């Protein structure tokens, strides 16, 4: 009987390790969706509502779109205002869509470190 419990405990531990690995940010693809019309995953919604997500959207609206009292910052792309959505997160990287443009945004902590336009 003890052997059966040990075997069950080992199986349960292996399942937990596999689930954590499969659901961690490292094993997740960057893009949850290919357009803003598709429903975002719970992972994307969770990160959009985090401090990093808040920083992302403040950065997009102030620096990239030039809205508010902030001046555009050199070294970052500037685009015309358009619909904005997050296509996905693979922490510390986010993919966003602004109008027809898709950008990959890399973070250093809670701050945007770089932004590159994606060819797709």
PDB file of N, CA and C in Angstrom:
ATOM      1  N   UNK A   1       0.823  -1.190   0.000  1.00  0.00           N
ATOM      2  CA  UNK A   1       0.000   0.000   0.000  1.00  0.00           C
ATOM      3  C   UNK A   1       0.875   1.265   0.000  1.00  0.00           C
ATOM      4  N   UNK A   2       1.958   1.238   0.744  1.00  0.00           N
ATOM      5  CA  UNK A   2       2.855   2.393   0.797  1.00  0.00           C
ATOM      6  C   UNK A   2       3.442   2.678  -0.575  1.00  0.00           C
ATOM      7  N   UNK A   3       3.776   1.628  -1.291  1.00  0.00           N
ATOM      8  CA  UNK A   3       4.330   1.782  -2.635  1.00  0.00           C
ATOM      9  C   UNK A   3       3.336   2.491  -3.562  1.00  0.00           C
ATOM     10  N   UNK A   4       2.071   2.156  -3.458  1.00  0.00           N
ATOM     11  CA  UNK A   4       1.030   2.773  -4.284  1.00  0.00           C
ATOM     12  C   UNK A   4       0.922   4.265  -3.987  1.00  0.00           C
ATOM     13  N   UNK A   5       0.983   4.623  -2.693  1.00  0.00           N
ATOM     14  CA  UNK A   5       0.919   6.050  -2.324  1.00  0.00           C
ATOM     15  C   UNK A   5       2.145   6.809  -2.826  1.00  0.00           C
ATOM     16  N   UNK A   6       3.294   6.204  -2.742  1.00  0.00           N
ATOM     17  CA  UNK A   6       4.521   6.833  -3.228  1.00  0.00           C
ATOM     18  C   UNK A   6       4.430   7.041  -4.740  1.00  0.00           C
ATOM     19  N   UNK A   7       3.939   6.028  -5.449  1.00  0.00           N
ATOM     20  CA  UNK A   7       3.780   6.127  -6.894  1.00  0.00           C
ATOM     21  C   UNK A   7       2.784   7.228  -7.257  1.00  0.00           C
ATOM     22  N   UNK A   8       1.650   7.293  -6.569  1.00  0.00           N
ATOM     23  CA  UNK A   8       0.660   8.345  -6.828  1.00  0.00           C
ATOM     24  C   UNK A   8       1.235   9.736  -6.527  1.00  0.00           C
ATOM     25  N   UNK A   9       1.973   9.857  -5.454  1.00  0.00           N
ATOM     26  CA  UNK A   9       2.592  11.145  -5.116  1.00  0.00           C
ATOM     27  C   UNK A   9       3.603  11.558  -6.179  1.00  0.00           C
ATOM     28  N   UNK A  10       4.377  10.614  -6.683  1.00  0.00           N
ATOM     29  CA  UNK A  10       5.352  10.908  -7.735  1.00  0.00           C
ATOM     30  C   UNK A  10       4.651  11.346  -9.016  1.00  0.00           C
ATOM     31  N   UNK A  11       3.568  10.693  -9.367  1.00  0.00           N
ATOM     32  CA  UNK A  11       2.811  11.072 -10.564  1.00  0.00           C
ATOM     33  C   UNK A  11       2.218  12.469 -10.389  1.00  0.00           C
ATOM     34  N   UNK A  12       1.649  12.738  -9.236  1.00  0.00           N
ATOM     35  CA  UNK A  12       1.063  14.063  -8.977  1.00  0.00           C
ATOM     36  C   UNK A  12       2.130  15.156  -9.056  1.00  0.00           C
ATOM     37  N   UNK A  13       3.297  14.884  -8.496  1.00  0.00           N
ATOM     38  CA  UNK A  13       4.392  15.863  -8.545  1.00  0.00           C
ATOM     39  C   UNK A  13       4.830  16.106  -9.983  1.00  0.00           C
ATOM     40  N   UNK A  14       4.922  15.058 -10.778  1.00  0.00           N
ATOM     41  CA  UNK A  14       5.322  15.204 -12.183  1.00  0.00           C
ATOM     42  C   UNK A  14       4.289  16.015 -12.961  1.00  0.00           C
ATOM     43  N   UNK A  15       3.015  15.809 -12.689  1.00  0.00           N
ATOM     44  CA  UNK A  15       1.952  16.566 -13.364  1.00  0.00           C
ATOM     45  C   UNK A  15       2.040  18.040 -12.993  1.00  0.00           C
ATOM     46  N   UNK A  16       2.256  18.335 -11.733  1.00  0.00           N
ATOM     47  CA  UNK A  16       2.371  19.728 -11.288  1.00  0.00           C
ATOM     48  C   UNK A  16       3.571  20.399 -11.948  1.00  0.00           C
ATOM     49  N   UNK A  17       4.703  19.747 -11.980  1.00  0.00           N
ATOM     50  CA  UNK A  17       5.898  20.310 -12.617  1.00  0.00           C
ATOM     51  C   UNK A  17       5.636  20.555 -14.096  1.00  0.00           C
ATOM     52  N   UNK A  18       5.005  19.599 -14.772  1.00  0.00           N
ATOM     53  CA  UNK A  18       4.711  19.758 -16.198  1.00  0.00           C
ATOM     54  C   UNK A  18       3.765  20.932 -16.421  1.00  0.00           C
ATOM     55  N   UNK A  19       2.704  21.064 -15.614  1.00  0.00           N
ATOM     56  CA  UNK A  19       1.741  22.153 -15.762  1.00  0.00           C
ATOM     57  C   UNK A  19       2.400  23.510 -15.548  1.00  0.00           C
ATOM     58  N   UNK A  20       3.221  23.633 -14.519  1.00  0.00           N
ATOM     59  CA  UNK A  20       3.900  24.900 -14.250  1.00  0.00           C
ATOM     60  C   UNK A  20       4.824  25.259 -15.397  1.00  0.00           C
ATOM     61  N   UNK A  21       5.559  24.288 -15.915  1.00  0.00           N
ATOM     62  CA  UNK A  21       6.464  24.528 -17.039  1.00  0.00           C
ATOM     63  C   UNK A  21       5.693  24.911 -18.289  1.00  0.00           C
ATOM     64  N   UNK A  22       4.604  24.226 -18.561  1.00  0.00           N
ATOM     65  CA  UNK A  22       3.819  24.490 -19.773  1.00  0.00           C
ATOM     66  C   UNK A  22       3.130  25.839 -19.709  1.00  0.00           C
ATOM     67  N   UNK A  23       2.746  26.278 -18.516  1.00  0.00           N
ATOM     68  CA  UNK A  23       2.014  27.531 -18.386  1.00  0.00           C
ATOM     69  C   UNK A  23       2.892  28.722 -18.036  1.00  0.00           C
ATOM     70  N   UNK A  24       4.167  28.513 -17.836  1.00  0.00           N
ATOM     71  CA  UNK A  24       5.040  29.631 -17.483  1.00  0.00           C
ATOM     72  C   UNK A  24       5.259  30.520 -18.695  1.00  0.00           C
ATOM     73  N   UNK A  25       5.720  31.750 -18.462  1.00  0.00           N
ATOM     74  CA  UNK A  25       5.970  32.693 -19.541  1.00  0.00           C
ATOM     75  C   UNK A  25       7.028  32.211 -20.505  1.00  0.00           C
ATOM     76  N   UNK A  26       7.923  31.344 -20.063  1.00  0.00           N
ATOM     77  CA  UNK A  26       9.023  30.900 -20.920  1.00  0.00           C
ATOM     78  C   UNK A  26       8.541  29.941 -22.003  1.00  0.00           C
ATOM     79  N   UNK A  27       7.510  29.169 -21.739  1.00  0.00           N
ATOM     80  CA  UNK A  27       7.037  28.210 -22.713  1.00  0.00           C
ATOM     81  C   UNK A  27       5.893  28.734 -23.566  1.00  0.00           C
ATOM     82  N   UNK A  28       5.447  29.931 -23.305  1.00  0.00           N
ATOM     83  CA  UNK A  28       4.296  30.506 -23.978  1.00  0.00           C
ATOM     84  C   UNK A  28       4.730  31.255 -25.234  1.00  0.00           C
ATOM     85  N   UNK A  29       3.985  31.133 -26.325  1.00  0.00           N
ATOM     86  CA  UNK A  29       4.315  31.925 -27.515  1.00  0.00           C
ATOM     87  C   UNK A  29       4.004  33.395 -27.261  1.00  0.00           C
ATOM     88  N   UNK A  30       4.667  34.291 -27.971  1.00  0.00           N
ATOM     89  CA  UNK A  30       4.450  35.728 -27.786  1.00  0.00           C
ATOM     90  C   UNK A  30       3.044  36.127 -28.210  1.00  0.00           C
ATOM     91  N   UNK A  31       2.575  35.637 -29.351  1.00  0.00           N
ATOM     92  CA  UNK A  31       1.295  36.077 -29.890  1.00  0.00           C
ATOM     93  C   UNK A  31       0.152  35.169 -29.452  1.00  0.00           C
ATOM     94  N   UNK A  32      -0.844  35.759 -28.786  1.00  0.00           N
ATOM     95  CA  UNK A  32      -2.065  35.035 -28.423  1.00  0.00           C
ATOM     96  C   UNK A  32      -3.082  35.105 -29.545  1.00  0.00           C
ATOM     97  N   UNK A  33      -3.015  36.172 -30.320  1.00  0.00           N
ATOM     98  CA  UNK A  33      -3.995  36.384 -31.383  1.00  0.00           C
ATOM     99  C   UNK A  33      -3.341  37.143 -32.523  1.00  0.00           C
ATOM    100  N   UNK A  34      -3.896  37.024 -33.706  1.00  0.00           N
ATOM    101  CA  UNK A  34      -3.290  37.680 -34.865  1.00  0.00           C
ATOM    102  C   UNK A  34      -3.972  38.989 -35.205  1.00  0.00           C
ATOM    103  N   UNK A  35      -5.143  39.257 -34.610  1.00  0.00           N
ATOM    104  CA  UNK A  35      -5.826  40.528 -34.845  1.00  0.00           C
ATOM    105  C   UNK A  35      -6.529  40.963 -33.576  1.00  0.00           C
ATOM    106  N   UNK A  36      -6.904  42.232 -33.545  1.00  0.00           N
ATOM    107  CA  UNK A  36      -7.582  42.765 -32.362  1.00  0.00           C
ATOM    108  C   UNK A  36      -9.019  42.257 -32.242  1.00  0.00           C
ATOM    109  N   UNK A  37      -9.536  41.631 -33.301  1.00  0.00           N
ATOM    110  CA  UNK A  37     -10.904  41.113 -33.271  1.00  0.00           C
ATOM    111  C   UNK A  37     -11.006  39.802 -32.498  1.00  0.00           C
ATOM    112  N   UNK A  38      -9.889  39.083 -32.381  1.00  0.00           N
ATOM    113  CA  UNK A  38      -9.900  37.813 -31.658  1.00  0.00           C
ATOM    114  C   UNK A  38      -9.866  38.071 -30.155  1.00  0.00           C
ATOM    115  N   UNK A  39     -10.377  37.142 -29.407  1.00  0.00           N
ATOM    116  CA  UNK A  39     -10.418  37.262 -27.945  1.00  0.00           C
ATOM    117  C   UNK A  39      -9.033  36.983 -27.365  1.00  0.00           C
ATOM    118  N   UNK A  40      -8.530  37.881 -26.488  1.00  0.00           N
ATOM    119  CA  UNK A  40      -7.220  37.645 -25.872  1.00  0.00           C
ATOM    120  C   UNK A  40      -7.289  36.524 -24.840  1.00  0.00           C
ATOM    121  N   UNK A  41      -6.156  35.888 -24.610  1.00  0.00           N
ATOM    122  CA  UNK A  41      -6.092  34.839 -23.583  1.00  0.00           C
ATOM    123  C   UNK A  41      -6.154  35.480 -22.206  1.00  0.00           C
ATOM    124  N   UNK A  42      -6.409  34.670 -21.200  1.00  0.00           N
ATOM    125  CA  UNK A  42      -6.420  35.180 -19.829  1.00  0.00           C
ATOM    126  C   UNK A  42      -5.033  35.679 -19.440  1.00  0.00           C
ATOM    127  N   UNK A  43      -3.986  35.061 -20.001  1.00  0.00           N
ATOM    128  CA  UNK A  43      -2.606  35.499 -19.738  1.00  0.00           C
ATOM    129  C   UNK A  43      -2.407  36.936 -20.227  1.00  0.00           C
ATOM    130  N   UNK A  44      -2.855  37.236 -21.448  1.00  0.00           N
ATOM    131  CA  UNK A  44      -2.728  38.585 -21.996  1.00  0.00           C
ATOM    132  C   UNK A  44      -3.556  39.574 -21.186  1.00  0.00           C
ATOM    133  N   UNK A  45      -4.784  39.210 -20.851  1.00  0.00           N
ATOM    134  CA  UNK A  45      -5.622  40.101 -20.048  1.00  0.00           C
ATOM    135  C   UNK A  45      -4.988  40.385 -18.692  1.00  0.00           C
ATOM    136  N   UNK A  46      -4.420  39.358 -18.078  1.00  0.00           N
ATOM    137  CA  UNK A  46      -3.785  39.522 -16.772  1.00  0.00           C
ATOM    138  C   UNK A  46      -2.598  40.488 -16.859  1.00  0.00           C
ATOM    139  N   UNK A  47      -1.753  40.326 -17.877  1.00  0.00           N
ATOM    140  CA  UNK A  47      -0.599  41.215 -18.007  1.00  0.00           C
ATOM    141  C   UNK A  47      -1.003  42.614 -18.461  1.00  0.00           C
ATOM    142  N   UNK A  48      -2.056  42.736 -19.259  1.00  0.00           N
ATOM    143  CA  UNK A  48      -2.559  44.064 -19.635  1.00  0.00           C
ATOM    144  C   UNK A  48      -2.997  44.847 -18.410  1.00  0.00           C
ATOM    145  N   UNK A  49      -3.504  44.144 -17.404  1.00  0.00           N
ATOM    146  CA  UNK A  49      -4.011  44.794 -16.188  1.00  0.00           C
ATOM    147  C   UNK A  49      -2.948  44.930 -15.102  1.00  0.00           C
ATOM    148  N   UNK A  50      -1.729  44.498 -15.389  1.00  0.00           N
ATOM    149  CA  UNK A  50      -0.640  44.571 -14.410  1.00  0.00           C
ATOM    150  C   UNK A  50       0.031  45.940 -14.466  1.00  0.00           C
ATOM    151  N   UNK A  51       0.998  46.166 -13.585  1.00  0.00           N
ATOM    152  CA  UNK A  51       1.758  47.424 -13.601  1.00  0.00           C
ATOM    153  C   UNK A  51       2.520  47.570 -14.909  1.00  0.00           C
ATOM    154  N   UNK A  52       3.034  46.473 -15.442  1.00  0.00           N
ATOM    155  CA  UNK A  52       3.757  46.525 -16.706  1.00  0.00           C
ATOM    156  C   UNK A  52       2.796  46.862 -17.848  1.00  0.00           C
ATOM    157  N   UNK A  53       1.607  46.308 -17.827  1.00  0.00           N
ATOM    158  CA  UNK A  53       0.599  46.634 -18.838  1.00  0.00           C
ATOM    159  C   UNK A  53       0.197  48.088 -18.771  1.00  0.00           C
ATOM    160  N   UNK A  54       0.065  48.607 -17.563  1.00  0.00           N
ATOM    161  CA  UNK A  54      -0.253  50.025 -17.385  1.00  0.00           C
ATOM    162  C   UNK A  54       0.873  50.881 -17.967  1.00  0.00           C
ATOM    163  N   UNK A  55       2.109  50.507 -17.690  1.00  0.00           N
ATOM    164  CA  UNK A  55       3.260  51.236 -18.239  1.00  0.00           C
ATOM    165  C   UNK A  55       3.280  51.155 -19.759  1.00  0.00           C
ATOM    166  N   UNK A  56       2.929  49.994 -20.312  1.00  0.00           N
ATOM    167  CA  UNK A  56       2.893  49.824 -21.761  1.00  0.00           C
ATOM    168  C   UNK A  56       1.904  50.798 -22.392  1.00  0.00           C
ATOM    169  N   UNK A  57       0.692  50.838 -21.865  1.00  0.00           N
ATOM    170  CA  UNK A  57      -0.322  51.695 -22.478  1.00  0.00           C
ATOM    171  C   UNK A  57      -0.050  53.180 -22.242  1.00  0.00           C
ATOM    172  N   UNK A  58       0.511  53.545 -21.101  1.00  0.00           N
ATOM    173  CA  UNK A  58       0.923  54.950 -20.909  1.00  0.00           C
ATOM    174  C   UNK A  58       2.000  55.310 -21.922  1.00  0.00           C
ATOM    175  N   UNK A  59       2.952  54.403 -22.160  1.00  0.00           N
ATOM    176  CA  UNK A  59       4.024  54.631 -23.137  1.00  0.00           C
ATOM    177  C   UNK A  59       3.451  54.765 -24.549  1.00  0.00           C
ATOM    178  N   UNK A  60       2.554  53.872 -24.915  1.00  0.00           N
ATOM    179  CA  UNK A  60       1.967  53.897 -26.260  1.00  0.00           C
ATOM    180  C   UNK A  60       1.251  55.223 -26.498  1.00  0.00           C
ATOM    181  N   UNK A  61       0.386  55.613 -25.587  1.00  0.00           N
ATOM    182  CA  UNK A  61      -0.412  56.804 -25.812  1.00  0.00           C
ATOM    183  C   UNK A  61       0.412  58.089 -25.708  1.00  0.00           C
ATOM    184  N   UNK A  62       1.394  58.122 -24.827  1.00  0.00           N
ATOM    185  CA  UNK A  62       2.176  59.354 -24.702  1.00  0.00           C
ATOM    186  C   UNK A  62       3.322  59.417 -25.695  1.00  0.00           C
ATOM    187  N   UNK A  63       4.155  58.410 -25.752  1.00  0.00           N
ATOM    188  CA  UNK A  63       5.367  58.451 -26.577  1.00  0.00           C
ATOM    189  C   UNK A  63       5.106  58.092 -28.031  1.00  0.00           C
ATOM    190  N   UNK A  64       4.421  56.984 -28.267  1.00  0.00           N
ATOM    191  CA  UNK A  64       4.247  56.528 -29.654  1.00  0.00           C
ATOM    192  C   UNK A  64       3.161  57.303 -30.399  1.00  0.00           C
ATOM    193  N   UNK A  65       2.082  57.655 -29.696  1.00  0.00           N
ATOM    194  CA  UNK A  65       0.999  58.391 -30.350  1.00  0.00           C
ATOM    195  C   UNK A  65       1.106  59.896 -30.121  1.00  0.00           C
ATOM    196  N   UNK A  66       1.928  60.317 -29.144  1.00  0.00           N
ATOM    197  CA  UNK A  66       2.122  61.739 -28.880  1.00  0.00           C
ATOM    198  C   UNK A  66       0.926  62.425 -28.255  1.00  0.00           C
ATOM    199  N   UNK A  67       0.098  61.671 -27.549  1.00  0.00           N
ATOM    200  CA  UNK A  67      -1.066  62.257 -26.890  1.00  0.00           C
ATOM    201  C   UNK A  67      -0.689  62.743 -25.499  1.00  0.00           C
ATOM    202  N   UNK A  68      -1.341  63.748 -25.024  1.00  0.00           N
ATOM    203  CA  UNK A  68      -1.062  64.288 -23.698  1.00  0.00           C
ATOM    204  C   UNK A  68      -0.002  65.369 -23.769  1.00  0.00           C
ATOM    205  N   UNK A  69       0.665  65.591 -22.659  1.00  0.00           N
ATOM    206  CA  UNK A  69       1.629  66.691 -22.559  1.00  0.00           C
ATOM    207  C   UNK A  69       3.062  66.263 -22.837  1.00  0.00           C
ATOM    208  N   UNK A  70       3.284  64.986 -23.143  1.00  0.00           N
ATOM    209  CA  UNK A  70       4.640  64.494 -23.347  1.00  0.00           C
ATOM    210  C   UNK A  70       5.109  64.766 -24.774  1.00  0.00           C
ATOM    211  N   UNK A  71       6.377  65.073 -24.919  1.00  0.00           N
ATOM    212  CA  UNK A  71       6.978  65.226 -26.236  1.00  0.00           C
ATOM    213  C   UNK A  71       7.424  63.851 -26.727  1.00  0.00           C
ATOM    214  N   UNK A  72       7.388  63.637 -28.052  1.00  0.00           N
ATOM    215  CA  UNK A  72       7.902  62.356 -28.566  1.00  0.00           C
ATOM    216  C   UNK A  72       9.364  62.171 -28.169  1.00  0.00           C
ATOM    217  N   UNK A  73       9.728  60.946 -27.807  1.00  0.00           N
ATOM    218  CA  UNK A  73      11.098  60.658 -27.387  1.00  0.00           C
ATOM    219  C   UNK A  73      11.891  60.094 -28.550  1.00  0.00           C
ATOM    220  N   UNK A  74      13.096  60.590 -28.694  1.00  0.00           N
ATOM    221  CA  UNK A  74      13.988  60.106 -29.758  1.00  0.00           C
ATOM    222  C   UNK A  74      14.297  58.627 -29.537  1.00  0.00           C
ATOM    223  N   UNK A  75      14.444  57.899 -30.628  1.00  0.00           N
ATOM    224  CA  UNK A  75      14.787  56.488 -30.552  1.00  0.00           C
ATOM    225  C   UNK A  75      13.592  55.561 -30.496  1.00  0.00           C
ATOM    226  N   UNK A  76      12.392  56.117 -30.378  1.00  0.00           N
ATOM    227  CA  UNK A  76      11.187  55.298 -30.354  1.00  0.00           C
ATOM    228  C   UNK A  76      10.309  55.669 -31.541  1.00  0.00           C
ATOM    229  N   UNK A  77       9.597  54.695 -32.122  1.00  0.00           N
ATOM    230  CA  UNK A  77       8.741  55.003 -33.269  1.00  0.00           C
ATOM    231  C   UNK A  77       7.556  55.875 -32.862  1.00  0.00           C
ATOM    232  N   UNK A  78       7.114  56.668 -33.810  1.00  0.00           N
ATOM    233  CA  UNK A  78       5.935  57.509 -33.619  1.00  0.00           C
ATOM    234  C   UNK A  78       4.966  57.160 -34.742  1.00  0.00           C
ATOM    235  N   UNK A  79       3.711  56.946 -34.405  1.00  0.00           N
ATOM    236  CA  UNK A  79       2.716  56.551 -35.400  1.00  0.00           C
ATOM    237  C   UNK A  79       1.473  57.410 -35.256  1.00  0.00           C
ATOM    238  N   UNK A  80       0.669  57.404 -36.325  1.00  0.00           N
ATOM    239  CA  UNK A  80      -0.619  58.087 -36.292  1.00  0.00           C
ATOM    240  C   UNK A  80      -1.548  57.337 -35.335  1.00  0.00           C
ATOM    241  N   UNK A  81      -2.446  58.080 -34.730  1.00  0.00           N
ATOM    242  CA  UNK A  81      -3.402  57.464 -33.816  1.00  0.00           C
ATOM    243  C   UNK A  81      -4.275  56.467 -34.567  1.00  0.00           C
ATOM    244  N   UNK A  82      -4.549  55.367 -33.920  1.00  0.00           N
ATOM    245  CA  UNK A  82      -5.390  54.325 -34.487  1.00  0.00           C
ATOM    246  C   UNK A  82      -5.786  53.362 -33.389  1.00  0.00           C
ATOM    247  N   UNK A  83      -6.599  52.384 -33.708  1.00  0.00           N
ATOM    248  CA  UNK A  83      -6.974  51.392 -32.695  1.00  0.00           C
ATOM    249  C   UNK A  83      -5.731  50.687 -32.146  1.00  0.00           C
ATOM    250  N   UNK A  84      -5.720  50.471 -30.838  1.00  0.00           N
ATOM    251  CA  UNK A  84      -4.575  49.856 -30.163  1.00  0.00           C
ATOM    252  C   UNK A  84      -5.046  48.617 -29.413  1.00  0.00           C
ATOM    253  N   UNK A  85      -4.272  47.528 -29.520  1.00  0.00           N
ATOM    254  CA  UNK A  85      -4.556  46.342 -28.711  1.00  0.00           C
ATOM    255  C   UNK A  85      -3.270  45.561 -28.496  1.00  0.00           C
ATOM    256  N   UNK A  86      -3.277  44.732 -27.479  1.00  0.00           N
ATOM    257  CA  UNK A  86      -2.166  43.833 -27.208  1.00  0.00           C
ATOM    258  C   UNK A  86      -2.445  42.515 -27.921  1.00  0.00           C
ATOM    259  N   UNK A  87      -1.468  42.060 -28.706  1.00  0.00           N
ATOM    260  CA  UNK A  87      -1.616  40.777 -29.393  1.00  0.00           C
ATOM    261  C   UNK A  87      -1.128  39.630 -28.522  1.00  0.00           C
ATOM    262  N   UNK A  88      -0.254  39.921 -27.559  1.00  0.00           N
ATOM    263  CA  UNK A  88       0.233  38.879 -26.661  1.00  0.00           C
ATOM    264  C   UNK A  88       1.403  39.344 -25.829  1.00  0.00           C
ATOM    265  N   UNK A  89       1.750  38.525 -24.849  1.00  0.00           N
ATOM    266  CA  UNK A  89       2.864  38.787 -23.942  1.00  0.00           C
ATOM    267  C   UNK A  89       3.685  37.514 -23.789  1.00  0.00           C
ATOM    268  N   UNK A  90       4.967  37.676 -23.768  1.00  0.00           N
ATOM    269  CA  UNK A  90       5.892  36.641 -23.313  1.00  0.00           C
ATOM    270  C   UNK A  90       6.876  37.413 -22.466  1.00  0.00           C
ATOM    271  N   UNK A  91       6.490  37.597 -21.224  1.00  0.00           N
ATOM    272  CA  UNK A  91       7.190  38.475 -20.299  1.00  0.00           C
ATOM    273  C   UNK A  91       8.698  38.295 -20.372  1.00  0.00           C
ATOM    274  N   UNK A  92       9.494  39.314 -20.592  1.00  0.00           N
ATOM    275  CA  UNK A  92       9.242  40.752 -20.525  1.00  0.00           C
ATOM    276  C   UNK A  92       9.010  41.410 -21.881  1.00  0.00           C
ATOM    277  N   UNK A  93       8.368  40.727 -22.807  1.00  0.00           N
ATOM    278  CA  UNK A  93       8.127  41.268 -24.145  1.00  0.00           C
ATOM    279  C   UNK A  93       6.626  41.261 -24.412  1.00  0.00           C
ATOM    280  N   UNK A  94       6.156  42.330 -25.072  1.00  0.00           N
ATOM    281  CA  UNK A  94       4.754  42.413 -25.480  1.00  0.00           C
ATOM    282  C   UNK A  94       4.693  42.689 -26.963  1.00  0.00           C
ATOM    283  N   UNK A  95       3.649  42.194 -27.604  1.00  0.00           N
ATOM    284  CA  UNK A  95       3.386  42.515 -29.012  1.00  0.00           C
ATOM    285  C   UNK A  95       2.109  43.333 -29.033  1.00  0.00           C
ATOM    286  N   UNK A  96       2.176  44.513 -29.663  1.00  0.00           N
ATOM    287  CA  UNK A  96       1.004  45.373 -29.731  1.00  0.00           C
ATOM    288  C   UNK A  96       0.710  45.730 -31.181  1.00  0.00           C
ATOM    289  N   UNK A  97      -0.527  46.084 -31.420  1.00  0.00           N
ATOM    290  CA  UNK A  97      -0.931  46.518 -32.747  1.00  0.00           C
ATOM    291  C   UNK A  97      -1.514  47.913 -32.612  1.00  0.00           C
ATOM    292  N   UNK A  98      -1.015  48.823 -33.448  1.00  0.00           N
ATOM    293  CA  UNK A  98      -1.534  50.182 -33.496  1.00  0.00           C
ATOM    294  C   UNK A  98      -1.913  50.431 -34.952  1.00  0.00           C
ATOM    295  N   UNK A  99      -3.211  50.540 -35.212  1.00  0.00           N
ATOM    296  CA  UNK A  99      -3.659  50.641 -36.607  1.00  0.00           C
ATOM    297  C   UNK A  99      -3.152  49.432 -37.371  1.00  0.00           C
ATOM    298  N   UNK A 100      -2.468  49.636 -38.507  1.00  0.00           N
ATOM    299  CA  UNK A 100      -1.958  48.497 -39.282  1.00  0.00           C
ATOM    300  C   UNK A 100      -0.569  48.021 -38.832  1.00  0.00           C
ATOM    301  N   UNK A 101       0.046  48.709 -37.867  1.00  0.00           N
ATOM    302  CA  UNK A 101       1.422  48.410 -37.445  1.00  0.00           C
ATOM    303  C   UNK A 101       1.451  47.454 -36.256  1.00  0.00           C
ATOM    304  N   UNK A 102       2.390  46.511 -36.288  1.00  0.00           N
ATOM    305  CA  UNK A 102       2.620  45.603 -35.168  1.00  0.00           C
ATOM    306  C   UNK A 102       4.011  45.897 -34.610  1.00  0.00           C
ATOM    307  N   UNK A 103       4.101  46.059 -33.290  1.00  0.00           N
ATOM    308  CA  UNK A 103       5.365  46.386 -32.631  1.00  0.00           C
ATOM    309  C   UNK A 103       5.683  45.349 -31.557  1.00  0.00           C
ATOM    310  N   UNK A 104       6.973  45.087 -31.384  1.00  0.00           N
ATOM    311  CA  UNK A 104       7.463  44.247 -30.297  1.00  0.00           C
ATOM    312  C   UNK A 104       8.105  45.188 -29.293  1.00  0.00           C
ATOM    313  N   UNK A 105       7.592  45.154 -28.069  1.00  0.00           N
ATOM    314  CA  UNK A 105       8.027  46.060 -27.013  1.00  0.00           C
ATOM    315  C   UNK A 105       8.755  45.250 -25.951  1.00  0.00           C
ATOM    316  N   UNK A 106      10.013  45.640 -25.664  1.00  0.00           N
ATOM    317  CA  UNK A 106      10.797  44.941 -24.639  1.00  0.00           C
ATOM    318  C   UNK A 106      10.911  45.831 -23.411  1.00  0.00           C
ATOM    319  N   UNK A 107      10.797  45.196 -22.249  1.00  0.00           N
ATOM    320  CA  UNK A 107      10.830  45.914 -20.981  1.00  0.00           C
ATOM    321  C   UNK A 107      12.119  45.648 -20.225  1.00  0.00           C
ATOM    322  N   UNK A 108      12.513  46.631 -19.441  1.00  0.00           N
ATOM    323  CA  UNK A 108      13.552  46.499 -18.417  1.00  0.00           C
ATOM    324  C   UNK A 108      12.832  46.856 -17.122  1.00  0.00           C
ATOM    325  N   UNK A 109      12.461  45.856 -16.372  1.00  0.00           N
ATOM    326  CA  UNK A 109      11.635  46.102 -15.190  1.00  0.00           C
ATOM    327  C   UNK A 109      10.255  46.524 -15.645  1.00  0.00           C
ATOM    328  N   UNK A 110       9.777  47.671 -15.130  1.00  0.00           N
ATOM    329  CA  UNK A 110       8.469  48.186 -15.527  1.00  0.00           C
ATOM    330  C   UNK A 110       8.574  49.242 -16.619  1.00  0.00           C
ATOM    331  N   UNK A 111       9.781  49.479 -17.122  1.00  0.00           N
ATOM    332  CA  UNK A 111       9.982  50.532 -18.113  1.00  0.00           C
ATOM    333  C   UNK A 111      10.254  49.946 -19.495  1.00  0.00           C
ATOM    334  N   UNK A 112       9.782  50.645 -20.516  1.00  0.00           N
ATOM    335  CA  UNK A 112      10.008  50.216 -21.896  1.00  0.00           C
ATOM    336  C   UNK A 112      11.466  50.442 -22.243  1.00  0.00           C
ATOM    337  N   UNK A 113      12.157  49.384 -22.694  1.00  0.00           N
ATOM    338  CA  UNK A 113      13.574  49.479 -23.061  1.00  0.00           C
ATOM    339  C   UNK A 113      13.738  49.700 -24.555  1.00  0.00           C
ATOM    340  N   UNK A 114      12.914  49.017 -25.379  1.00  0.00           N
ATOM    341  CA  UNK A 114      13.021  49.174 -26.830  1.00  0.00           C
ATOM    342  C   UNK A 114      11.705  48.821 -27.490  1.00  0.00           C
ATOM    343  N   UNK A 115      11.524  49.366 -28.682  1.00  0.00           N
ATOM    344  CA  UNK A 115      10.342  49.092 -29.498  1.00  0.00           C
ATOM    345  C   UNK A 115      10.809  48.898 -30.928  1.00  0.00           C
ATOM    346  N   UNK A 116      10.398  47.792 -31.527  1.00  0.00           N
ATOM    347  CA  UNK A 116      10.745  47.520 -32.925  1.00  0.00           C
ATOM    348  C   UNK A 116       9.477  47.164 -33.683  1.00  0.00           C
ATOM    349  N   UNK A 117       9.367  47.695 -34.897  1.00  0.00           N
ATOM    350  CA  UNK A 117       8.214  47.333 -35.714  1.00  0.00           C
ATOM    351  C   UNK A 117       8.448  45.943 -36.285  1.00  0.00           C
ATOM    352  N   UNK A 118       7.422  45.124 -36.199  1.00  0.00           N
ATOM    353  CA  UNK A 118       7.494  43.763 -36.712  1.00  0.00           C
ATOM    354  C   UNK A 118       7.052  43.777 -38.172  1.00  0.00           C
ATOM    355  N   UNK A 119       7.686  42.975 -39.019  1.00  0.00           N
ATOM    356  CA  UNK A 119       7.305  42.951 -40.429  1.00  0.00           C
ATOM    357  C   UNK A 119       5.909  42.390 -40.670  1.00  0.00           C
ATOM    358  N   UNK A 120       5.357  41.650 -39.707  1.00  0.00           N
ATOM    359  CA  UNK A 120       4.013  41.074 -39.901  1.00  0.00           C
ATOM    360  C   UNK A 120       3.112  41.767 -38.973  1.00  0.00           C
TER     361      UNK A 120
END
